[in-house]
N, C-alpha and C. Protein backbone atom coordinates (compact mmCIF):
# COMPACT_ATOMS: atom_id res chain seq x y z
N MET A 1 6.68 8.36 0.91
CA MET A 1 5.99 8.59 1.89
C MET A 1 7.18 7.13 2.74
N LYS A 2 6.39 7.44 4.58
CA LYS A 2 6.75 6.40 5.11
C LYS A 2 6.30 4.56 5.15
N GLN A 3 6.48 3.84 6.20
CA GLN A 3 6.14 2.92 5.15
C GLN A 3 5.10 2.48 6.67
N ALA A 4 4.68 3.39 7.60
CA ALA A 4 3.64 3.62 8.35
C ALA A 4 2.51 4.87 7.47
N ASP A 5 3.06 5.51 6.99
CA ASP A 5 2.15 6.25 6.65
C ASP A 5 1.64 5.30 5.21
N TRP A 6 2.12 4.21 4.37
CA TRP A 6 1.64 3.88 3.50
C TRP A 6 0.80 2.93 4.54
N GLU A 7 1.26 2.36 5.32
CA GLU A 7 0.63 0.89 6.11
C GLU A 7 -1.04 1.82 5.71
N GLU A 8 -1.20 3.24 6.91
CA GLU A 8 -2.37 3.87 6.96
C GLU A 8 -3.26 3.85 6.06
N PHE A 9 -2.56 3.92 4.90
CA PHE A 9 -3.37 4.69 3.73
C PHE A 9 -4.26 3.28 3.01
N ARG A 10 -3.36 2.17 3.02
CA ARG A 10 -3.37 1.09 2.58
C ARG A 10 -4.28 0.55 3.73
N GLY A 11 -4.37 0.72 4.32
CA GLY A 11 -6.00 0.09 5.18
C GLY A 11 -6.76 0.86 5.11
N CYS A 12 -6.86 1.92 5.10
CA CYS A 12 -7.86 2.71 4.24
C CYS A 12 -8.61 2.47 3.52
N LEU A 13 -7.81 2.10 2.12
CA LEU A 13 -8.20 2.24 1.29
C LEU A 13 -8.94 -0.11 0.72
N LEU A 14 -8.63 -0.27 1.66
CA LEU A 14 -9.07 -1.97 2.04
C LEU A 14 -10.04 -1.93 2.80
N ARG A 15 -10.92 -0.89 3.27
CA ARG A 15 -12.24 -0.81 4.29
C ARG A 15 -12.87 -1.26 3.33
N TYR A 16 -12.36 -0.74 1.61
CA TYR A 16 -13.45 -0.85 0.83
C TYR A 16 -13.47 -2.05 0.43
N LYS A 17 -13.81 -3.35 0.05
CA LYS A 17 -14.09 -4.40 0.81
C LYS A 17 -14.21 -5.09 -1.15
N LYS A 18 -14.67 -4.35 -2.37
CA LYS A 18 -14.70 -4.35 -3.39
C LYS A 18 -12.99 -4.41 -3.96
N LEU A 19 -12.87 -2.71 -3.27
CA LEU A 19 -10.78 -2.73 -4.45
C LEU A 19 -10.18 -3.60 -3.66
N LYS A 20 -9.48 -3.89 -4.16
CA LYS A 20 -7.57 -4.59 -4.46
C LYS A 20 -6.88 -4.38 -5.05
N LEU A 21 -6.01 -4.32 -4.35
CA LEU A 21 -4.45 -3.90 -4.78
C LEU A 21 -3.66 -5.49 -4.31
N ARG A 22 -2.26 -4.67 -5.12
CA ARG A 22 -1.09 -5.57 -5.18
C ARG A 22 -0.03 -4.71 -4.70
N GLU A 23 0.29 -5.02 -4.00
CA GLU A 23 1.87 -4.21 -4.04
C GLU A 23 2.87 -4.52 -4.71
N ILE A 24 4.05 -4.23 -6.24
CA ILE A 24 4.42 -5.23 -6.84
C ILE A 24 6.53 -4.90 -6.63
N ASN A 25 6.43 -3.56 -6.04
CA ASN A 25 8.33 -3.88 -6.03
C ASN A 25 8.54 -2.27 -5.57
N LYS A 26 9.22 -1.59 -4.73
CA LYS A 26 9.73 -1.02 -4.34
C LYS A 26 10.93 -0.78 -4.76
N GLN A 27 11.33 1.54 -5.46
CA GLN A 27 12.27 0.88 -5.57
C GLN A 27 12.79 2.44 -5.59
N ASN A 28 13.71 2.59 -5.31
CA ASN A 28 14.52 4.10 -5.11
C ASN A 28 13.25 4.27 -3.98
N GLY A 29 12.51 3.90 -2.94
CA GLY A 29 12.54 4.48 -1.68
C GLY A 29 10.77 5.07 -2.51
N ARG A 30 10.63 4.04 -3.32
CA ARG A 30 8.97 4.03 -3.81
C ARG A 30 9.02 3.09 -4.15
N LYS A 31 6.92 3.02 -3.32
CA LYS A 31 6.67 1.06 -3.65
C LYS A 31 5.57 2.48 -5.01
N GLN A 32 5.71 1.25 -6.60
CA GLN A 32 4.51 0.52 -7.29
C GLN A 32 2.83 -0.36 -6.62
N VAL A 33 2.24 0.15 -7.34
CA VAL A 33 0.69 -0.03 -6.33
C VAL A 33 -0.01 -0.28 -7.10
N PHE A 34 -0.96 -1.95 -8.30
CA PHE A 34 -1.70 -2.13 -9.11
C PHE A 34 -3.30 -1.90 -8.39
N PHE A 35 -4.27 -1.30 -8.15
CA PHE A 35 -5.30 -0.98 -7.74
C PHE A 35 -6.04 -1.33 -8.74
N TYR A 36 -7.18 -2.53 -8.54
CA TYR A 36 -8.64 -2.88 -9.29
C TYR A 36 -9.92 -2.95 -9.01
N HIS A 37 -11.42 -2.13 -9.59
CA HIS A 37 -11.55 -2.62 -8.48
C HIS A 37 -12.30 -4.55 -9.65
N GLN A 38 -12.24 -4.93 -8.47
CA GLN A 38 -12.46 -7.23 -8.72
C GLN A 38 -14.20 -6.71 -9.12
N LEU A 39 -14.56 -6.25 -8.61
CA LEU A 39 -16.16 -7.00 -9.62
C LEU A 39 -16.43 -6.96 -11.26
N SER A 40 -15.28 -5.84 -11.32
CA SER A 40 -15.63 -4.28 -12.97
C SER A 40 -14.29 -5.63 -13.37
N LEU A 41 -13.76 -5.68 -12.92
CA LEU A 41 -12.24 -6.02 -13.84
C LEU A 41 -12.42 -7.67 -13.99
N ASP A 42 -13.58 -8.56 -13.84
CA ASP A 42 -13.90 -9.40 -13.99
C ASP A 42 -15.07 -9.67 -15.15
N ASN A 43 -15.80 -9.32 -14.54
CA ASN A 43 -16.51 -8.85 -15.51
C ASN A 43 -16.19 -8.54 -17.23
N VAL A 44 -14.97 -8.00 -17.14
CA VAL A 44 -14.86 -7.45 -18.17
C VAL A 44 -13.98 -8.85 -18.44
N LEU A 45 -13.04 -9.13 -17.83
CA LEU A 45 -12.00 -10.27 -18.39
C LEU A 45 -12.61 -11.32 -19.05
N SER A 46 -14.03 -11.34 -18.06
CA SER A 46 -14.80 -12.73 -18.11
C SER A 46 -15.30 -12.93 -19.46
N GLU A 47 -15.99 -11.28 -19.94
CA GLU A 47 -16.07 -12.06 -21.60
C GLU A 47 -15.67 -12.11 -22.53
N GLU A 48 -16.62 -14.01 -23.23
CA GLU A 48 -16.15 -14.27 -24.46
C GLU A 48 -14.95 -13.95 -25.62
N ALA A 49 -15.40 -12.75 -25.61
CA ALA A 49 -14.34 -12.17 -26.97
C ALA A 49 -13.03 -11.57 -26.41
N ASN A 50 -12.92 -11.69 -25.11
CA ASN A 50 -11.86 -10.62 -24.17
C ASN A 50 -10.87 -11.95 -24.01
N LEU A 51 -11.74 -13.18 -23.42
CA LEU A 51 -11.58 -14.09 -23.04
C LEU A 51 -10.36 -14.64 -23.99
N LYS A 52 -10.62 -14.81 -25.57
CA LYS A 52 -10.09 -14.91 -26.53
C LYS A 52 -8.66 -14.06 -27.47
N PHE A 53 -9.26 -13.31 -26.75
CA PHE A 53 -7.85 -12.16 -27.24
C PHE A 53 -6.92 -12.07 -25.99
N LEU A 54 -7.41 -12.53 -25.10
CA LEU A 54 -5.84 -12.59 -23.75
C LEU A 54 -5.02 -14.34 -23.73
N ARG A 55 -5.98 -14.77 -23.93
CA ARG A 55 -5.53 -16.46 -24.45
C ARG A 55 -4.65 -16.34 -25.74
N GLY A 56 -5.41 -15.92 -26.88
CA GLY A 56 -3.81 -15.79 -28.12
C GLY A 56 -2.80 -14.85 -27.66
N ARG A 57 -2.77 -13.79 -26.81
CA ARG A 57 -1.45 -13.75 -26.20
C ARG A 57 -0.77 -14.21 -25.30
N GLY A 58 -1.35 -15.20 -24.64
CA GLY A 58 -0.87 -15.95 -23.80
C GLY A 58 -1.44 -16.20 -22.42
N TYR A 59 -2.58 -15.93 -22.01
CA TYR A 59 -2.48 -16.03 -20.75
C TYR A 59 -3.84 -17.44 -21.03
N PRO A 60 -3.84 -17.92 -19.51
CA PRO A 60 -3.95 -19.21 -19.43
C PRO A 60 -5.38 -19.94 -19.74
N GLU A 61 -5.68 -21.20 -19.86
CA GLU A 61 -6.67 -21.25 -20.50
C GLU A 61 -8.04 -21.24 -20.06
N ARG A 62 -7.51 -21.98 -19.00
CA ARG A 62 -8.70 -21.56 -17.25
C ARG A 62 -8.57 -20.37 -17.16
N TYR A 63 -9.49 -19.16 -16.38
CA TYR A 63 -9.59 -17.59 -16.20
C TYR A 63 -10.38 -18.21 -14.78
N SER A 64 -8.78 -17.62 -14.49
CA SER A 64 -9.68 -16.67 -12.25
C SER A 64 -9.85 -15.52 -12.67
N ILE A 65 -9.69 -14.49 -11.58
CA ILE A 65 -9.70 -13.08 -11.57
C ILE A 65 -7.82 -13.15 -11.53
N GLU A 66 -8.17 -13.90 -10.44
CA GLU A 66 -6.46 -13.91 -9.89
C GLU A 66 -5.19 -14.68 -10.37
N ASP A 67 -5.67 -15.38 -11.68
CA ASP A 67 -4.80 -15.42 -12.04
C ASP A 67 -4.19 -14.95 -13.30
N TYR A 68 -5.49 -14.18 -14.21
CA TYR A 68 -5.11 -13.10 -15.19
C TYR A 68 -4.56 -11.89 -14.55
N VAL A 69 -4.57 -11.27 -13.34
CA VAL A 69 -4.21 -10.31 -12.73
C VAL A 69 -2.80 -10.29 -12.16
N ALA A 70 -2.14 -11.79 -12.03
CA ALA A 70 -1.12 -12.18 -11.44
C ALA A 70 -0.93 -12.26 -12.93
N PHE A 71 -1.26 -13.12 -14.08
CA PHE A 71 -0.37 -12.82 -15.56
C PHE A 71 0.32 -11.78 -15.54
N LEU A 72 -0.97 -10.63 -15.58
CA LEU A 72 -0.79 -9.13 -16.33
C LEU A 72 0.23 -8.89 -15.26
N LEU A 73 0.91 -8.43 -14.09
CA LEU A 73 1.66 -7.85 -13.88
C LEU A 73 3.21 -8.83 -13.90
N GLU A 74 3.29 -9.59 -13.79
CA GLU A 74 4.07 -10.23 -14.50
C GLU A 74 5.65 -10.18 -15.87
N ARG A 75 3.85 -9.80 -16.32
CA ARG A 75 4.41 -8.98 -18.29
C ARG A 75 4.64 -8.26 -18.02
N LEU A 76 4.19 -7.35 -17.56
CA LEU A 76 4.18 -5.80 -17.08
C LEU A 76 5.91 -5.62 -16.39
N PHE A 77 5.69 -6.54 -15.79
CA PHE A 77 7.64 -5.84 -14.22
C PHE A 77 7.85 -6.62 -13.34
N GLY A 78 7.26 -8.07 -14.04
CA GLY A 78 7.53 -9.08 -13.75
C GLY A 78 7.98 -10.24 -12.30
N ARG A 79 8.82 -10.61 -12.50
CA ARG A 79 8.84 -11.50 -10.70
C ARG A 79 8.62 -10.27 -9.82
N PHE A 80 7.42 -10.38 -8.78
CA PHE A 80 7.11 -9.30 -8.08
C PHE A 80 6.93 -9.67 -6.55
């Protein structure tokens, strides 16, 4: 996919305000993108049992959806 094609596609996706995406990296002409529905992910992650589980695996004590997504991507892909 050409850069111009990706930008057009990205723009279409972001019209849906509840959908979030993070561009992770580009290798061999391919881009990795992490998509998520912010409200749904926030609802699941902020449940006390899930917070306890994630904090036990090194996630920050102070919860925010942005920080937890960044932490996940860091663990999966390193610096992005």
